[in-house]
Amino acid sequence: MINCFLRNLLYGFLLFILVVSIPLSAQAARPGLTSHEITGNAPTIDGVMGPGEYAGLPQIVFDESSPATQGFAYIVPTYVHFCNDQNNIYVIVDAVGDETQDGGDECLLIFANGEDYILAEGFADGNSCPEGITYASGFSSSKYSATSHRIHEWRIPLSKINAGPGQLIDFCSPNDSKYKCLRAAGRPGGSLGYDETTGQDNIWPPGLISVHSMVDRTLWGTLQLQPTQHQSIPTLSEWGMILMGLVLACAAAWTLKRKDTVSM
């Protein structure tokens, strides 16, 4: 009877691991970004890429080699940086290919964590939504181009999606979404970002034209947030090692118990 109990316990634990691992594997299989760590002062949200801000390589680059989404052209080029601290995600969309100061330029970001999500939308005139985020639209030079061009910049509280440092969250930037909260009549496009003069969009991940559901995120990408300075978060591979260790421990306990029963 004890052997039967241990065997059922092992089977149940293996089933639990399988159920838990499926969503983790599905998330890991999608296009992934890794946020940069902020080691000094946080970026100032002013629509300008200031000295020392957004160090390191951009996580997304749109250029002639970017995978195309059928029916949409890309702004060439655009450089996108993500970084985070304990409380906020910072994003700059440096659209060096958008050299026209249009009033209809815009940018769209969607972050999600479990059932919580935030759709952040910003416009060339500096308006944005929803409340509680900080956004700035600029038109100036940057480290990527000496010619003035459109720049979108954000600070988004992690509390808006009930997330914390070190977490793996969902992210995308489609051309459109039924959840858009601030949109002028007849104005097409969102993405990273939209250029009114050319009608070009930077869709990420490529192929995700519209978001009609916050539940189905199979075409979204992911963003791995950096842990804080004193925080250590297990990676996906480390979680795998932990689960494997538990499986081996249960298997060993079951085997030893079985040997004891046979000896008796």
C-alpha atoms as a PDB file:
ATOM      1  CA  MET A   1       0.000   0.000   0.000  1.00  0.00           C
ATOM      2  CA  ILE A   2       2.885   2.332   0.815  1.00  0.00           C
ATOM      3  CA  ASN A   3       4.519   1.518  -2.525  1.00  0.00           C
ATOM      4  CA  CYS A   4       1.273   2.322  -4.316  1.00  0.00           C
ATOM      5  CA  PHE A   5       1.037   5.623  -2.480  1.00  0.00           C
ATOM      6  CA  LEU A   6       4.620   6.570  -3.369  1.00  0.00           C
ATOM      7  CA  ARG A   7       4.117   5.546  -6.982  1.00  0.00           C
ATOM      8  CA  ASN A   8       0.981   7.671  -7.264  1.00  0.00           C
ATOM      9  CA  LEU A   9       2.775  10.532  -5.588  1.00  0.00           C
ATOM     10  CA  LEU A  10       5.594  10.301  -8.127  1.00  0.00           C
ATOM     11  CA  TYR A  11       3.169  10.124 -11.058  1.00  0.00           C
ATOM     12  CA  GLY A  12       1.269  13.123  -9.726  1.00  0.00           C
ATOM     13  CA  PHE A  13       4.459  15.114  -9.313  1.00  0.00           C
ATOM     14  CA  LEU A  14       5.608  14.267 -12.845  1.00  0.00           C
ATOM     15  CA  LEU A  15       2.215  15.366 -14.176  1.00  0.00           C
ATOM     16  CA  PHE A  16       2.527  18.627 -12.222  1.00  0.00           C
ATOM     17  CA  ILE A  17       5.948  19.274 -13.765  1.00  0.00           C
ATOM     18  CA  LEU A  18       4.562  18.612 -17.241  1.00  0.00           C
ATOM     19  CA  VAL A  19       1.660  21.024 -16.748  1.00  0.00           C
ATOM     20  CA  VAL A  20       3.931  23.732 -15.334  1.00  0.00           C
ATOM     21  CA  SER A  21       6.583  23.278 -18.015  1.00  0.00           C
ATOM     22  CA  ILE A  22       4.258  23.557 -21.015  1.00  0.00           C
ATOM     23  CA  PRO A  23       3.500  27.310 -20.626  1.00  0.00           C
ATOM     24  CA  LEU A  24       7.136  28.003 -19.714  1.00  0.00           C
ATOM     25  CA  SER A  25       8.322  26.206 -22.857  1.00  0.00           C
ATOM     26  CA  ALA A  26       5.767  27.999 -25.019  1.00  0.00           C
ATOM     27  CA  GLN A  27       6.865  31.359 -23.653  1.00  0.00           C
ATOM     28  CA  ALA A  28      10.553  30.542 -24.103  1.00  0.00           C
ATOM     29  CA  ALA A  29       9.950  29.543 -27.748  1.00  0.00           C
ATOM     30  CA  ARG A  30       8.730  33.022 -28.693  1.00  0.00           C
ATOM     31  CA  PRO A  31      11.043  35.883 -29.773  1.00  0.00           C
ATOM     32  CA  GLY A  32      12.780  37.152 -26.660  1.00  0.00           C
ATOM     33  CA  LEU A  33      14.269  40.460 -25.538  1.00  0.00           C
ATOM     34  CA  THR A  34      16.371  41.132 -22.438  1.00  0.00           C
ATOM     35  CA  SER A  35      16.092  44.472 -20.651  1.00  0.00           C
ATOM     36  CA  HIS A  36      19.286  46.348 -19.796  1.00  0.00           C
ATOM     37  CA  GLU A  37      20.229  47.015 -16.194  1.00  0.00           C
ATOM     38  CA  ILE A  38      20.309  50.651 -15.054  1.00  0.00           C
ATOM     39  CA  THR A  39      23.638  51.161 -13.283  1.00  0.00           C
ATOM     40  CA  GLY A  40      23.510  54.954 -12.879  1.00  0.00           C
ATOM     41  CA  ASN A  41      20.756  57.508 -13.072  1.00  0.00           C
ATOM     42  CA  ALA A  42      17.518  56.486 -14.732  1.00  0.00           C
ATOM     43  CA  PRO A  43      16.778  58.033 -18.152  1.00  0.00           C
ATOM     44  CA  THR A  44      15.076  61.417 -18.175  1.00  0.00           C
ATOM     45  CA  ILE A  45      11.822  61.152 -20.122  1.00  0.00           C
ATOM     46  CA  ASP A  46      12.152  64.127 -22.466  1.00  0.00           C
ATOM     47  CA  GLY A  47      12.163  62.634 -25.981  1.00  0.00           C
ATOM     48  CA  VAL A  48      15.953  62.979 -26.198  1.00  0.00           C
ATOM     49  CA  MET A  49      18.619  60.274 -26.019  1.00  0.00           C
ATOM     50  CA  GLY A  50      20.829  62.008 -23.479  1.00  0.00           C
ATOM     51  CA  PRO A  51      24.509  61.216 -22.815  1.00  0.00           C
ATOM     52  CA  GLY A  52      24.894  57.955 -20.896  1.00  0.00           C
ATOM     53  CA  GLU A  53      21.267  56.973 -21.336  1.00  0.00           C
ATOM     54  CA  TYR A  54      20.382  53.582 -22.813  1.00  0.00           C
ATOM     55  CA  ALA A  55      23.879  52.127 -22.795  1.00  0.00           C
ATOM     56  CA  GLY A  56      24.580  48.885 -24.596  1.00  0.00           C
ATOM     57  CA  LEU A  57      23.268  47.520 -27.848  1.00  0.00           C
ATOM     58  CA  PRO A  58      19.649  48.115 -28.895  1.00  0.00           C
ATOM     59  CA  GLN A  59      17.398  45.108 -28.363  1.00  0.00           C
ATOM     60  CA  ILE A  60      15.489  45.729 -31.613  1.00  0.00           C
ATOM     61  CA  VAL A  61      16.851  47.159 -34.864  1.00  0.00           C
ATOM     62  CA  PHE A  62      14.623  47.767 -37.874  1.00  0.00           C
ATOM     63  CA  ASP A  63      16.462  48.052 -41.191  1.00  0.00           C
ATOM     64  CA  GLU A  64      16.496  46.619 -44.708  1.00  0.00           C
ATOM     65  CA  SER A  65      17.240  43.158 -43.315  1.00  0.00           C
ATOM     66  CA  SER A  66      14.310  43.095 -40.875  1.00  0.00           C
ATOM     67  CA  PRO A  67      11.791  40.299 -41.515  1.00  0.00           C
ATOM     68  CA  ALA A  68       8.824  41.804 -43.335  1.00  0.00           C
ATOM     69  CA  THR A  69       5.174  41.646 -42.386  1.00  0.00           C
ATOM     70  CA  GLN A  70       3.099  41.246 -45.525  1.00  0.00           C
ATOM     71  CA  GLY A  71       1.509  44.527 -46.575  1.00  0.00           C
ATOM     72  CA  PHE A  72       3.669  46.694 -44.306  1.00  0.00           C
ATOM     73  CA  ALA A  73       6.945  48.518 -44.918  1.00  0.00           C
ATOM     74  CA  TYR A  74       9.510  49.404 -42.252  1.00  0.00           C
ATOM     75  CA  ILE A  75      10.908  52.742 -41.181  1.00  0.00           C
ATOM     76  CA  VAL A  76      14.601  52.415 -42.016  1.00  0.00           C
ATOM     77  CA  PRO A  77      16.213  52.332 -39.556  1.00  0.00           C
ATOM     78  CA  THR A  78      14.829  52.419 -36.004  1.00  0.00           C
ATOM     79  CA  TYR A  79      16.673  51.492 -32.803  1.00  0.00           C
ATOM     80  CA  VAL A  80      14.730  50.393 -29.722  1.00  0.00           C
ATOM     81  CA  HIS A  81      16.153  50.143 -26.180  1.00  0.00           C
ATOM     82  CA  PHE A  82      14.560  48.649 -23.040  1.00  0.00           C
ATOM     83  CA  CYS A  83      15.904  48.999 -19.505  1.00  0.00           C
ATOM     84  CA  ASN A  84      14.407  48.716 -16.036  1.00  0.00           C
ATOM     85  CA  ASP A  85      15.021  49.459 -12.382  1.00  0.00           C
ATOM     86  CA  GLN A  86      13.135  48.247  -9.336  1.00  0.00           C
ATOM     87  CA  ASN A  87       9.987  50.193 -10.192  1.00  0.00           C
ATOM     88  CA  ASN A  88       9.837  51.051 -13.898  1.00  0.00           C
ATOM     89  CA  ILE A  89      10.423  49.947 -17.482  1.00  0.00           C
ATOM     90  CA  TYR A  90      12.122  52.581 -19.665  1.00  0.00           C
ATOM     91  CA  VAL A  91      11.808  52.452 -23.458  1.00  0.00           C
ATOM     92  CA  ILE A  92      13.209  54.653 -26.196  1.00  0.00           C
ATOM     93  CA  VAL A  93      12.182  54.257 -29.842  1.00  0.00           C
ATOM     94  CA  ASP A  94      14.811  56.115 -31.865  1.00  0.00           C
ATOM     95  CA  ALA A  95      13.264  56.284 -35.340  1.00  0.00           C
ATOM     96  CA  VAL A  96      16.242  57.684 -37.251  1.00  0.00           C
ATOM     97  CA  GLY A  97      14.501  56.933 -40.557  1.00  0.00           C
ATOM     98  CA  ASP A  98      11.594  59.255 -39.711  1.00  0.00           C
ATOM     99  CA  GLU A  99      13.077  62.655 -40.576  1.00  0.00           C
ATOM    100  CA  THR A 100       9.743  64.446 -41.082  1.00  0.00           C
ATOM    101  CA  GLN A 101       8.167  66.229 -38.126  1.00  0.00           C
ATOM    102  CA  ASP A 102       4.610  64.978 -38.658  1.00  0.00           C
ATOM    103  CA  GLY A 103       1.797  65.604 -36.233  1.00  0.00           C
ATOM    104  CA  GLY A 104       0.419  62.108 -36.899  1.00  0.00           C
ATOM    105  CA  ASP A 105       3.462  60.103 -35.818  1.00  0.00           C
ATOM    106  CA  GLU A 106       2.682  57.637 -33.029  1.00  0.00           C
ATOM    107  CA  CYS A 107       4.000  54.660 -31.107  1.00  0.00           C
ATOM    108  CA  LEU A 108       2.318  51.674 -29.428  1.00  0.00           C
ATOM    109  CA  LEU A 109       3.635  49.362 -26.690  1.00  0.00           C
ATOM    110  CA  ILE A 110       1.781  46.462 -25.061  1.00  0.00           C
ATOM    111  CA  PHE A 111       3.147  44.751 -21.930  1.00  0.00           C
ATOM    112  CA  ALA A 112       1.442  41.883 -20.088  1.00  0.00           C
ATOM    113  CA  ASN A 113       2.002  39.704 -17.037  1.00  0.00           C
ATOM    114  CA  GLY A 114      -0.553  36.962 -16.479  1.00  0.00           C
ATOM    115  CA  GLU A 115      -3.993  38.567 -16.509  1.00  0.00           C
ATOM    116  CA  ASP A 116      -2.567  42.082 -16.081  1.00  0.00           C
ATOM    117  CA  TYR A 117      -1.615  44.206 -19.057  1.00  0.00           C
ATOM    118  CA  ILE A 118      -0.993  47.783 -20.102  1.00  0.00           C
ATOM    119  CA  LEU A 119      -1.333  49.283 -23.556  1.00  0.00           C
ATOM    120  CA  ALA A 120       0.762  52.457 -23.759  1.00  0.00           C
ATOM    121  CA  GLU A 121       0.222  54.737 -26.737  1.00  0.00           C
ATOM    122  CA  GLY A 122       2.014  57.998 -27.496  1.00  0.00           C
ATOM    123  CA  PHE A 123       1.624  60.709 -30.125  1.00  0.00           C
ATOM    124  CA  ALA A 124       3.858  63.320 -31.733  1.00  0.00           C
ATOM    125  CA  ASP A 125       2.143  66.149 -29.841  1.00  0.00           C
ATOM    126  CA  GLY A 126       3.157  64.571 -26.508  1.00  0.00           C
ATOM    127  CA  ASN A 127      -0.263  63.181 -25.636  1.00  0.00           C
ATOM    128  CA  SER A 128      -0.345  59.629 -24.313  1.00  0.00           C
ATOM    129  CA  CYS A 129      -2.445  57.077 -22.496  1.00  0.00           C
ATOM    130  CA  PRO A 130      -3.232  55.625 -20.055  1.00  0.00           C
ATOM    131  CA  GLU A 131      -2.836  57.739 -16.927  1.00  0.00           C
ATOM    132  CA  GLY A 132       0.090  56.881 -14.693  1.00  0.00           C
ATOM    133  CA  ILE A 133       2.734  56.505 -17.395  1.00  0.00           C
ATOM    134  CA  THR A 134       5.268  59.132 -18.486  1.00  0.00           C
ATOM    135  CA  TYR A 135       5.767  59.744 -22.212  1.00  0.00           C
ATOM    136  CA  ALA A 136       7.642  62.278 -24.320  1.00  0.00           C
ATOM    137  CA  SER A 137       7.867  62.735 -28.073  1.00  0.00           C
ATOM    138  CA  GLY A 138      10.981  64.427 -29.405  1.00  0.00           C
ATOM    139  CA  PHE A 139      12.524  65.467 -32.702  1.00  0.00           C
ATOM    140  CA  SER A 140      16.297  65.732 -32.495  1.00  0.00           C
ATOM    141  CA  SER A 141      19.590  64.015 -33.251  1.00  0.00           C
ATOM    142  CA  SER A 142      20.892  61.006 -31.300  1.00  0.00           C
ATOM    143  CA  LYS A 143      23.952  58.768 -31.086  1.00  0.00           C
ATOM    144  CA  TYR A 144      22.568  56.856 -34.075  1.00  0.00           C
ATOM    145  CA  SER A 145      22.070  59.838 -36.396  1.00  0.00           C
ATOM    146  CA  ALA A 146      23.160  63.488 -36.472  1.00  0.00           C
ATOM    147  CA  THR A 147      20.051  64.366 -38.499  1.00  0.00           C
ATOM    148  CA  SER A 148      16.969  65.338 -36.484  1.00  0.00           C
ATOM    149  CA  HIS A 149      14.357  62.592 -36.380  1.00  0.00           C
ATOM    150  CA  ARG A 150      11.382  61.298 -34.381  1.00  0.00           C
ATOM    151  CA  ILE A 151      12.045  59.871 -30.912  1.00  0.00           C
ATOM    152  CA  HIS A 152       9.475  58.277 -28.574  1.00  0.00           C
ATOM    153  CA  GLU A 153      10.387  57.748 -24.915  1.00  0.00           C
ATOM    154  CA  TRP A 154       8.543  56.102 -22.000  1.00  0.00           C
ATOM    155  CA  ARG A 155       8.609  55.336 -18.310  1.00  0.00           C
ATOM    156  CA  ILE A 156       6.054  52.672 -17.385  1.00  0.00           C
ATOM    157  CA  PRO A 157       5.554  51.565 -13.758  1.00  0.00           C
ATOM    158  CA  LEU A 158       5.928  47.822 -13.251  1.00  0.00           C
ATOM    159  CA  SER A 159       2.984  48.065 -10.863  1.00  0.00           C
ATOM    160  CA  LYS A 160       0.749  48.715 -13.884  1.00  0.00           C
ATOM    161  CA  ILE A 161       1.146  45.061 -14.879  1.00  0.00           C
ATOM    162  CA  ASN A 162       1.693  43.691 -11.381  1.00  0.00           C
ATOM    163  CA  ALA A 163       5.265  42.718 -12.296  1.00  0.00           C
ATOM    164  CA  GLY A 164       8.599  42.957 -10.534  1.00  0.00           C
ATOM    165  CA  PRO A 165      12.301  43.006 -11.413  1.00  0.00           C
ATOM    166  CA  GLY A 166      13.676  39.743 -12.750  1.00  0.00           C
ATOM    167  CA  GLN A 167      10.376  38.554 -14.231  1.00  0.00           C
ATOM    168  CA  LEU A 168       9.801  37.317 -17.764  1.00  0.00           C
ATOM    169  CA  ILE A 169       6.849  39.268 -19.171  1.00  0.00           C
ATOM    170  CA  ASP A 170       5.052  39.446 -22.517  1.00  0.00           C
ATOM    171  CA  PHE A 171       5.579  42.273 -24.995  1.00  0.00           C
ATOM    172  CA  CYS A 172       4.476  43.255 -28.497  1.00  0.00           C
ATOM    173  CA  SER A 173       3.940  46.262 -30.727  1.00  0.00           C
ATOM    174  CA  PRO A 174       1.375  45.573 -33.473  1.00  0.00           C
ATOM    175  CA  ASN A 175       0.041  47.924 -36.117  1.00  0.00           C
ATOM    176  CA  ASP A 176      -3.345  47.977 -34.403  1.00  0.00           C
ATOM    177  CA  SER A 177      -5.254  46.773 -31.346  1.00  0.00           C
ATOM    178  CA  LYS A 178      -8.884  46.872 -30.316  1.00  0.00           C
ATOM    179  CA  TYR A 179      -7.662  47.990 -26.871  1.00  0.00           C
ATOM    180  CA  LYS A 180      -6.162  51.260 -28.117  1.00  0.00           C
ATOM    181  CA  CYS A 181      -7.186  53.988 -25.726  1.00  0.00           C
ATOM    182  CA  LEU A 182      -6.323  57.218 -27.518  1.00  0.00           C
ATOM    183  CA  ARG A 183      -6.717  57.364 -31.268  1.00  0.00           C
ATOM    184  CA  ALA A 184      -7.678  60.177 -33.610  1.00  0.00           C
ATOM    185  CA  ALA A 185     -10.389  59.335 -36.147  1.00  0.00           C
ATOM    186  CA  GLY A 186      -8.984  57.846 -39.323  1.00  0.00           C
ATOM    187  CA  ARG A 187      -5.381  57.741 -38.126  1.00  0.00           C
ATOM    188  CA  PRO A 188      -3.781  54.431 -39.167  1.00  0.00           C
ATOM    189  CA  GLY A 189      -0.930  52.653 -37.474  1.00  0.00           C
ATOM    190  CA  GLY A 190       0.759  52.332 -34.106  1.00  0.00           C
ATOM    191  CA  SER A 191       3.765  50.018 -33.813  1.00  0.00           C
ATOM    192  CA  LEU A 192       7.387  50.947 -32.991  1.00  0.00           C
ATOM    193  CA  GLY A 193       6.475  53.462 -34.452  1.00  0.00           C
ATOM    194  CA  TYR A 194       4.263  54.814 -37.210  1.00  0.00           C
ATOM    195  CA  ASP A 195       5.488  57.508 -39.658  1.00  0.00           C
ATOM    196  CA  GLU A 196       2.602  59.567 -41.030  1.00  0.00           C
ATOM    197  CA  THR A 197       4.487  60.799 -44.128  1.00  0.00           C
ATOM    198  CA  THR A 198       5.430  57.381 -45.480  1.00  0.00           C
ATOM    199  CA  GLY A 199       2.735  55.294 -43.784  1.00  0.00           C
ATOM    200  CA  GLN A 200       5.435  52.880 -42.597  1.00  0.00           C
ATOM    201  CA  ASP A 201       5.148  50.729 -39.475  1.00  0.00           C
ATOM    202  CA  ASN A 202       7.667  48.832 -37.334  1.00  0.00           C
ATOM    203  CA  ILE A 203       5.690  45.767 -36.249  1.00  0.00           C
ATOM    204  CA  TRP A 204       7.166  43.504 -33.561  1.00  0.00           C
ATOM    205  CA  PRO A 205       7.248  40.574 -33.593  1.00  0.00           C
ATOM    206  CA  PRO A 206       7.009  40.515 -37.412  1.00  0.00           C
ATOM    207  CA  GLY A 207       3.643  39.230 -38.560  1.00  0.00           C
ATOM    208  CA  LEU A 208       1.627  40.472 -35.576  1.00  0.00           C
ATOM    209  CA  ILE A 209      -0.565  43.004 -37.362  1.00  0.00           C
ATOM    210  CA  SER A 210      -3.314  43.349 -34.763  1.00  0.00           C
ATOM    211  CA  VAL A 211      -4.066  42.322 -31.171  1.00  0.00           C
ATOM    212  CA  HIS A 212      -7.696  41.295 -30.699  1.00  0.00           C
ATOM    213  CA  SER A 213      -7.189  39.290 -27.510  1.00  0.00           C
ATOM    214  CA  MET A 214      -5.027  39.711 -24.428  1.00  0.00           C
ATOM    215  CA  VAL A 215      -5.391  35.996 -23.678  1.00  0.00           C
ATOM    216  CA  ASP A 216      -3.853  34.531 -26.834  1.00  0.00           C
ATOM    217  CA  ARG A 217      -0.201  35.662 -26.872  1.00  0.00           C
ATOM    218  CA  THR A 218       1.240  32.967 -29.098  1.00  0.00           C
ATOM    219  CA  LEU A 219       2.422  35.592 -31.629  1.00  0.00           C
ATOM    220  CA  TRP A 220       3.780  37.984 -28.994  1.00  0.00           C
ATOM    221  CA  GLY A 221       7.391  38.198 -27.869  1.00  0.00           C
ATOM    222  CA  THR A 222       8.817  38.254 -24.353  1.00  0.00           C
ATOM    223  CA  LEU A 223      10.886  40.713 -22.311  1.00  0.00           C
ATOM    224  CA  GLN A 224      13.177  39.461 -19.557  1.00  0.00           C
ATOM    225  CA  LEU A 225      13.418  42.161 -16.886  1.00  0.00           C
ATOM    226  CA  GLN A 226      16.673  42.665 -15.018  1.00  0.00           C
ATOM    227  CA  PRO A 227      16.696  41.836 -11.302  1.00  0.00           C
ATOM    228  CA  THR A 228      17.586  44.557  -8.827  1.00  0.00           C
ATOM    229  CA  GLN A 229      21.138  44.803  -7.511  1.00  0.00           C
ATOM    230  CA  HIS A 230      20.429  42.630  -4.458  1.00  0.00           C
ATOM    231  CA  GLN A 231      17.982  40.240  -6.086  1.00  0.00           C
ATOM    232  CA  SER A 232      18.664  36.833  -7.585  1.00  0.00           C
ATOM    233  CA  ILE A 233      15.929  35.322  -9.740  1.00  0.00           C
ATOM    234  CA  PRO A 234      16.241  31.738 -11.080  1.00  0.00           C
ATOM    235  CA  THR A 235      16.444  31.607 -14.861  1.00  0.00           C
ATOM    236  CA  LEU A 236      14.293  29.224 -16.905  1.00  0.00           C
ATOM    237  CA  SER A 237      17.182  26.722 -17.023  1.00  0.00           C
ATOM    238  CA  GLU A 238      17.684  27.025 -13.248  1.00  0.00           C
ATOM    239  CA  TRP A 239      13.999  26.283 -12.678  1.00  0.00           C
ATOM    240  CA  GLY A 240      14.491  23.206 -14.845  1.00  0.00           C
ATOM    241  CA  MET A 241      17.372  22.057 -12.643  1.00  0.00           C
ATOM    242  CA  ILE A 242      15.273  22.627  -9.503  1.00  0.00           C
ATOM    243  CA  LEU A 243      12.364  20.602 -10.905  1.00  0.00           C
ATOM    244  CA  MET A 244      14.702  17.845 -12.094  1.00  0.00           C
ATOM    245  CA  GLY A 245      16.262  17.682  -8.628  1.00  0.00           C
ATOM    246  CA  LEU A 246      12.846  17.238  -7.058  1.00  0.00           C
ATOM    247  CA  VAL A 247      11.988  14.481  -9.530  1.00  0.00           C
ATOM    248  CA  LEU A 248      15.225  12.617  -8.764  1.00  0.00           C
ATOM    249  CA  ALA A 249      14.670  12.994  -5.007  1.00  0.00           C
ATOM    250  CA  CYS A 250      11.159  11.542  -5.253  1.00  0.00           C
ATOM    251  CA  ALA A 251      12.382   8.709  -7.465  1.00  0.00           C
ATOM    252  CA  ALA A 252      15.207   7.913  -5.038  1.00  0.00           C
ATOM    253  CA  ALA A 253      12.853   7.907  -2.051  1.00  0.00           C
ATOM    254  CA  TRP A 254      10.453   5.597  -3.851  1.00  0.00           C
ATOM    255  CA  THR A 255      13.276   3.199  -4.839  1.00  0.00           C
ATOM    256  CA  LEU A 256      14.687   3.063  -1.297  1.00  0.00           C
ATOM    257  CA  LYS A 257      11.256   2.448   0.161  1.00  0.00           C
ATOM    258  CA  ARG A 258      10.673  -0.352  -2.331  1.00  0.00           C
ATOM    259  CA  LYS A 259      13.984  -2.012  -1.402  1.00  0.00           C
ATOM    260  CA  ASP A 260      13.086  -1.834   2.296  1.00  0.00           C
ATOM    261  CA  THR A 261       9.762  -3.522   1.594  1.00  0.00           C
ATOM    262  CA  VAL A 262      11.385  -6.308  -0.428  1.00  0.00           C
ATOM    263  CA  SER A 263      14.016  -6.906   2.297  1.00  0.00           C
ATOM    264  CA  MET A 264      11.314  -7.351   4.892  1.00  0.00           C
END
